Amino acid sequence: TLVNSLVRVGYRGCVWTGYHGDLPPWSAGGNYEGDVYKCPAGPDVVVAFVKVETGLHFAQYKPSWLLRVLEEFEPTAEGIFYFDTDMFVVGEWTFFEQWLKFGIAATEDAAYPLNPQHPLARGWREYATKIGYTHWNDTDAYFNSGLVGVSREMRSFLVLWHDVMNAIRR
């Protein structure tokens, strides 16, 4: 559904997909290029499957995956978007291209407001302080990582996110 929606709204390019186990049945008709399995998904759209070997939940692996795509698979890309697989896109792809020009694209979870005094927000702040991060902007919103876009210029955001996720496991 996600890939079909991307095709419908004008996306052209490669959709990088990490997977465990077997490839989905709908991917038949593609071929391997090294360790990457690529299958056509529409006009000028290819889905590239990369086996991901990690014991982490994808929510914790996401910044590592985004960095890998930017650095290893798409080293000339101007940026990257991540969409959870249960999403579908209804706006024109040009909107997302424009959004990325502003640095970081993030979506607010409107069903989950979170003021700076909320116990979760205070817990995250306490955790961040313990690992050396002391500068932040308070917000009354909860940004979820189901849709995130990062321009190459803002790659440092992905590195920071990656470092914070790795610090949790120490």
C-alpha atoms as a PDB file:
ATOM      1  CA  THR A   1       0.000   0.000   0.000  1.00  0.00           C
ATOM      2  CA  LEU A   2       2.787   2.438   0.874  1.00  0.00           C
ATOM      3  CA  VAL A   3       4.738   1.829  -2.335  1.00  0.00           C
ATOM      4  CA  ASN A   4       1.584   1.986  -4.466  1.00  0.00           C
ATOM      5  CA  SER A   5       0.663   5.295  -2.848  1.00  0.00           C
ATOM      6  CA  LEU A   6       4.147   6.675  -3.510  1.00  0.00           C
ATOM      7  CA  VAL A   7       3.880   5.728  -7.176  1.00  0.00           C
ATOM      8  CA  ARG A   8       0.421   7.305  -7.394  1.00  0.00           C
ATOM      9  CA  VAL A   9       1.576  10.675  -5.970  1.00  0.00           C
ATOM     10  CA  GLY A  10       4.544  10.988  -8.323  1.00  0.00           C
ATOM     11  CA  TYR A  11       7.510   9.535  -6.434  1.00  0.00           C
ATOM     12  CA  ARG A  12      10.258   8.293  -8.741  1.00  0.00           C
ATOM     13  CA  GLY A  13      13.338   6.492  -7.519  1.00  0.00           C
ATOM     14  CA  CYS A  14      14.278   3.673  -5.198  1.00  0.00           C
ATOM     15  CA  VAL A  15      12.354   2.612  -2.110  1.00  0.00           C
ATOM     16  CA  TRP A  16      14.920   1.026   0.230  1.00  0.00           C
ATOM     17  CA  THR A  17      13.362  -1.647   2.395  1.00  0.00           C
ATOM     18  CA  GLY A  18      15.012  -3.556   5.218  1.00  0.00           C
ATOM     19  CA  TYR A  19      13.596  -7.005   5.883  1.00  0.00           C
ATOM     20  CA  HIS A  20      13.950 -10.157   7.996  1.00  0.00           C
ATOM     21  CA  GLY A  21      13.097 -13.674   6.875  1.00  0.00           C
ATOM     22  CA  ASP A  22      11.755 -14.284   3.384  1.00  0.00           C
ATOM     23  CA  LEU A  23      10.964 -11.758   0.705  1.00  0.00           C
ATOM     24  CA  PRO A  24       7.247 -11.024   0.304  1.00  0.00           C
ATOM     25  CA  PRO A  25       5.421 -12.954  -2.453  1.00  0.00           C
ATOM     26  CA  TRP A  26       4.552  -9.715  -4.288  1.00  0.00           C
ATOM     27  CA  SER A  27       8.274  -9.090  -4.919  1.00  0.00           C
ATOM     28  CA  ALA A  28       8.505 -11.926  -7.482  1.00  0.00           C
ATOM     29  CA  GLY A  29       9.917 -10.805 -10.796  1.00  0.00           C
ATOM     30  CA  GLY A  30      12.876  -8.911  -9.431  1.00  0.00           C
ATOM     31  CA  ASN A  31      16.545  -9.838  -9.391  1.00  0.00           C
ATOM     32  CA  TYR A  32      19.556  -9.667  -7.143  1.00  0.00           C
ATOM     33  CA  GLU A  33      22.275  -7.071  -7.568  1.00  0.00           C
ATOM     34  CA  GLY A  34      24.843  -8.350  -5.107  1.00  0.00           C
ATOM     35  CA  ASP A  35      23.066  -8.655  -1.740  1.00  0.00           C
ATOM     36  CA  VAL A  36      20.236  -6.328  -2.777  1.00  0.00           C
ATOM     37  CA  TYR A  37      17.043  -7.705  -4.314  1.00  0.00           C
ATOM     38  CA  LYS A  38      15.375  -5.173  -6.610  1.00  0.00           C
ATOM     39  CA  CYS A  39      11.919  -5.399  -8.082  1.00  0.00           C
ATOM     40  CA  PRO A  40      10.031  -2.934 -10.272  1.00  0.00           C
ATOM     41  CA  ALA A  41       7.043  -1.263  -8.631  1.00  0.00           C
ATOM     42  CA  GLY A  42       5.862   1.290 -11.171  1.00  0.00           C
ATOM     43  CA  PRO A  43       7.108   3.858 -13.663  1.00  0.00           C
ATOM     44  CA  ASP A  44      10.697   4.616 -12.637  1.00  0.00           C
ATOM     45  CA  VAL A  45      10.167   3.107  -9.163  1.00  0.00           C
ATOM     46  CA  VAL A  46      12.126   0.173  -7.781  1.00  0.00           C
ATOM     47  CA  VAL A  47      11.821  -1.476  -4.387  1.00  0.00           C
ATOM     48  CA  ALA A  48      15.235  -2.565  -3.115  1.00  0.00           C
ATOM     49  CA  PHE A  49      15.222  -5.176  -0.356  1.00  0.00           C
ATOM     50  CA  VAL A  50      18.198  -5.415   1.982  1.00  0.00           C
ATOM     51  CA  LYS A  51      18.333  -8.149   4.595  1.00  0.00           C
ATOM     52  CA  VAL A  52      18.769  -6.515   7.988  1.00  0.00           C
ATOM     53  CA  GLU A  53      20.576  -8.524  10.626  1.00  0.00           C
ATOM     54  CA  THR A  54      19.824  -6.917  13.971  1.00  0.00           C
ATOM     55  CA  GLY A  55      18.170  -7.995  17.173  1.00  0.00           C
ATOM     56  CA  LEU A  56      16.904  -4.464  17.737  1.00  0.00           C
ATOM     57  CA  HIS A  57      13.322  -3.375  17.345  1.00  0.00           C
ATOM     58  CA  PHE A  58      13.172  -1.257  14.209  1.00  0.00           C
ATOM     59  CA  ALA A  59      12.163   1.802  16.264  1.00  0.00           C
ATOM     60  CA  GLN A  60      15.650   1.647  17.806  1.00  0.00           C
ATOM     61  CA  TYR A  61      17.388   0.713  14.543  1.00  0.00           C
ATOM     62  CA  LYS A  62      15.752   3.429  12.410  1.00  0.00           C
ATOM     63  CA  PRO A  63      18.530   6.055  12.590  1.00  0.00           C
ATOM     64  CA  SER A  64      21.150   3.400  11.784  1.00  0.00           C
ATOM     65  CA  TRP A  65      19.105   2.283   8.778  1.00  0.00           C
ATOM     66  CA  LEU A  66      18.627   5.852   7.522  1.00  0.00           C
ATOM     67  CA  LEU A  67      22.357   6.554   7.830  1.00  0.00           C
ATOM     68  CA  ARG A  68      23.156   3.320   6.014  1.00  0.00           C
ATOM     69  CA  VAL A  69      20.850   4.203   3.131  1.00  0.00           C
ATOM     70  CA  LEU A  70      22.303   7.728   2.854  1.00  0.00           C
ATOM     71  CA  GLU A  71      25.930   6.651   3.110  1.00  0.00           C
ATOM     72  CA  GLU A  72      26.022   3.218   1.479  1.00  0.00           C
ATOM     73  CA  PHE A  73      23.107   2.933  -0.940  1.00  0.00           C
ATOM     74  CA  GLU A  74      22.332   6.551  -1.931  1.00  0.00           C
ATOM     75  CA  PRO A  75      25.529   8.571  -1.403  1.00  0.00           C
ATOM     76  CA  THR A  76      24.406  11.316  -3.801  1.00  0.00           C
ATOM     77  CA  ALA A  77      20.837  11.698  -2.497  1.00  0.00           C
ATOM     78  CA  GLU A  78      19.890  15.154  -1.246  1.00  0.00           C
ATOM     79  CA  GLY A  79      18.076  13.552   1.680  1.00  0.00           C
ATOM     80  CA  ILE A  80      15.946  10.684   2.845  1.00  0.00           C
ATOM     81  CA  PHE A  81      12.399  10.015   3.993  1.00  0.00           C
ATOM     82  CA  TYR A  82      11.278   7.152   6.179  1.00  0.00           C
ATOM     83  CA  PHE A  83       7.648   6.035   6.235  1.00  0.00           C
ATOM     84  CA  ASP A  84       6.289   3.291   8.472  1.00  0.00           C
ATOM     85  CA  THR A  85       4.968   0.490   6.301  1.00  0.00           C
ATOM     86  CA  ASP A  86       1.393   0.973   7.509  1.00  0.00           C
ATOM     87  CA  MET A  87       1.270   4.478   6.030  1.00  0.00           C
ATOM     88  CA  PHE A  88       0.103   5.672   2.663  1.00  0.00           C
ATOM     89  CA  VAL A  89       0.801   8.992   0.984  1.00  0.00           C
ATOM     90  CA  VAL A  90      -2.010  11.176  -0.340  1.00  0.00           C
ATOM     91  CA  GLY A  91      -0.203  14.462  -1.084  1.00  0.00           C
ATOM     92  CA  GLU A  92       1.848  15.099  -4.203  1.00  0.00           C
ATOM     93  CA  TRP A  93       5.475  14.011  -3.936  1.00  0.00           C
ATOM     94  CA  THR A  94       6.582  17.564  -4.739  1.00  0.00           C
ATOM     95  CA  PHE A  95       5.268  18.574  -1.300  1.00  0.00           C
ATOM     96  CA  PHE A  96       7.746  16.170   0.351  1.00  0.00           C
ATOM     97  CA  GLU A  97      10.597  17.415  -1.837  1.00  0.00           C
ATOM     98  CA  GLN A  98       9.802  20.974  -0.758  1.00  0.00           C
ATOM     99  CA  TRP A  99       9.507  19.937   2.908  1.00  0.00           C
ATOM    100  CA  LEU A 100      12.972  18.386   2.818  1.00  0.00           C
ATOM    101  CA  LYS A 101      14.479  21.682   1.671  1.00  0.00           C
ATOM    102  CA  PHE A 102      13.794  22.992   5.182  1.00  0.00           C
ATOM    103  CA  GLY A 103      16.037  20.397   6.876  1.00  0.00           C
ATOM    104  CA  ILE A 104      14.135  17.918   9.034  1.00  0.00           C
ATOM    105  CA  ALA A 105      10.591  16.736   8.406  1.00  0.00           C
ATOM    106  CA  ALA A 106       8.766  15.267  11.376  1.00  0.00           C
ATOM    107  CA  THR A 107       5.155  14.522  12.139  1.00  0.00           C
ATOM    108  CA  GLU A 108       3.344  15.402  15.301  1.00  0.00           C
ATOM    109  CA  ASP A 109       1.223  12.721  16.891  1.00  0.00           C
ATOM    110  CA  ALA A 110      -1.956  14.770  17.336  1.00  0.00           C
ATOM    111  CA  ALA A 111      -3.512  12.070  19.529  1.00  0.00           C
ATOM    112  CA  TYR A 112      -0.681  12.259  22.033  1.00  0.00           C
ATOM    113  CA  PRO A 113       0.021  15.813  23.235  1.00  0.00           C
ATOM    114  CA  LEU A 114       3.040  15.986  25.497  1.00  0.00           C
ATOM    115  CA  ASN A 115       3.885  19.124  27.452  1.00  0.00           C
ATOM    116  CA  PRO A 116       7.398  19.699  28.839  1.00  0.00           C
ATOM    117  CA  GLN A 117       6.276  18.753  32.367  1.00  0.00           C
ATOM    118  CA  HIS A 118       4.822  15.389  31.337  1.00  0.00           C
ATOM    119  CA  PRO A 119       6.597  12.511  33.153  1.00  0.00           C
ATOM    120  CA  LEU A 120       7.779  11.014  29.832  1.00  0.00           C
ATOM    121  CA  ALA A 121       9.226  14.336  28.662  1.00  0.00           C
ATOM    122  CA  ARG A 122      10.918  14.852  32.012  1.00  0.00           C
ATOM    123  CA  GLY A 123      12.278  11.307  31.918  1.00  0.00           C
ATOM    124  CA  TRP A 124      13.733  11.814  28.438  1.00  0.00           C
ATOM    125  CA  ARG A 125      15.286  15.085  29.577  1.00  0.00           C
ATOM    126  CA  GLU A 126      16.812  13.386  32.626  1.00  0.00           C
ATOM    127  CA  TYR A 127      18.170  10.586  30.432  1.00  0.00           C
ATOM    128  CA  ALA A 128      19.600  13.076  27.909  1.00  0.00           C
ATOM    129  CA  THR A 129      21.316  15.005  30.689  1.00  0.00           C
ATOM    130  CA  LYS A 130      22.922  11.804  32.039  1.00  0.00           C
ATOM    131  CA  ILE A 131      24.497  11.054  28.671  1.00  0.00           C
ATOM    132  CA  GLY A 132      25.737  14.608  28.175  1.00  0.00           C
ATOM    133  CA  TYR A 133      23.012  16.393  26.206  1.00  0.00           C
ATOM    134  CA  THR A 134      21.984  19.573  27.977  1.00  0.00           C
ATOM    135  CA  HIS A 135      20.576  21.842  25.253  1.00  0.00           C
ATOM    136  CA  TRP A 136      17.065  21.357  23.860  1.00  0.00           C
ATOM    137  CA  ASN A 137      13.932  23.223  22.971  1.00  0.00           C
ATOM    138  CA  ASP A 138      10.858  22.418  25.011  1.00  0.00           C
ATOM    139  CA  THR A 139       7.779  21.625  22.961  1.00  0.00           C
ATOM    140  CA  ASP A 140       4.150  20.826  23.641  1.00  0.00           C
ATOM    141  CA  ALA A 141       4.147  18.182  20.934  1.00  0.00           C
ATOM    142  CA  TYR A 142       5.126  14.559  20.602  1.00  0.00           C
ATOM    143  CA  PHE A 143       6.891  13.836  17.336  1.00  0.00           C
ATOM    144  CA  ASN A 144       6.697  10.243  16.303  1.00  0.00           C
ATOM    145  CA  SER A 145       9.166   8.579  13.972  1.00  0.00           C
ATOM    146  CA  GLY A 146       6.557   6.978  11.707  1.00  0.00           C
ATOM    147  CA  LEU A 147       7.415   9.627   9.132  1.00  0.00           C
ATOM    148  CA  VAL A 148      10.712  11.426   9.234  1.00  0.00           C
ATOM    149  CA  GLY A 149      12.682  13.169   6.529  1.00  0.00           C
ATOM    150  CA  VAL A 150      16.229  14.451   6.784  1.00  0.00           C
ATOM    151  CA  SER A 151      18.154  16.485   4.237  1.00  0.00           C
ATOM    152  CA  ARG A 152      21.786  15.533   3.730  1.00  0.00           C
ATOM    153  CA  GLU A 153      22.709  18.920   5.236  1.00  0.00           C
ATOM    154  CA  MET A 154      21.029  17.807   8.480  1.00  0.00           C
ATOM    155  CA  ARG A 155      22.699  14.373   8.568  1.00  0.00           C
ATOM    156  CA  SER A 156      24.046  15.330  12.008  1.00  0.00           C
ATOM    157  CA  PHE A 157      20.494  14.859  13.328  1.00  0.00           C
ATOM    158  CA  LEU A 158      20.633  11.190  12.288  1.00  0.00           C
ATOM    159  CA  VAL A 159      24.046  10.799  13.926  1.00  0.00           C
ATOM    160  CA  LEU A 160      22.709  12.310  17.160  1.00  0.00           C
ATOM    161  CA  TRP A 161      19.604  10.079  17.052  1.00  0.00           C
ATOM    162  CA  HIS A 162      21.830   7.044  16.369  1.00  0.00           C
ATOM    163  CA  ASP A 163      24.135   7.931  19.285  1.00  0.00           C
ATOM    164  CA  VAL A 164      21.214   8.367  21.692  1.00  0.00           C
ATOM    165  CA  MET A 165      19.724   5.000  20.631  1.00  0.00           C
ATOM    166  CA  ASN A 166      23.109   3.316  21.110  1.00  0.00           C
ATOM    167  CA  ALA A 167      23.547   4.912  24.542  1.00  0.00           C
ATOM    168  CA  ILE A 168      20.289   3.294  25.692  1.00  0.00           C
ATOM    169  CA  ARG A 169      21.821  -0.143  25.200  1.00  0.00           C
ATOM    170  CA  ARG A 170      24.917   0.566  27.303  1.00  0.00           C
END
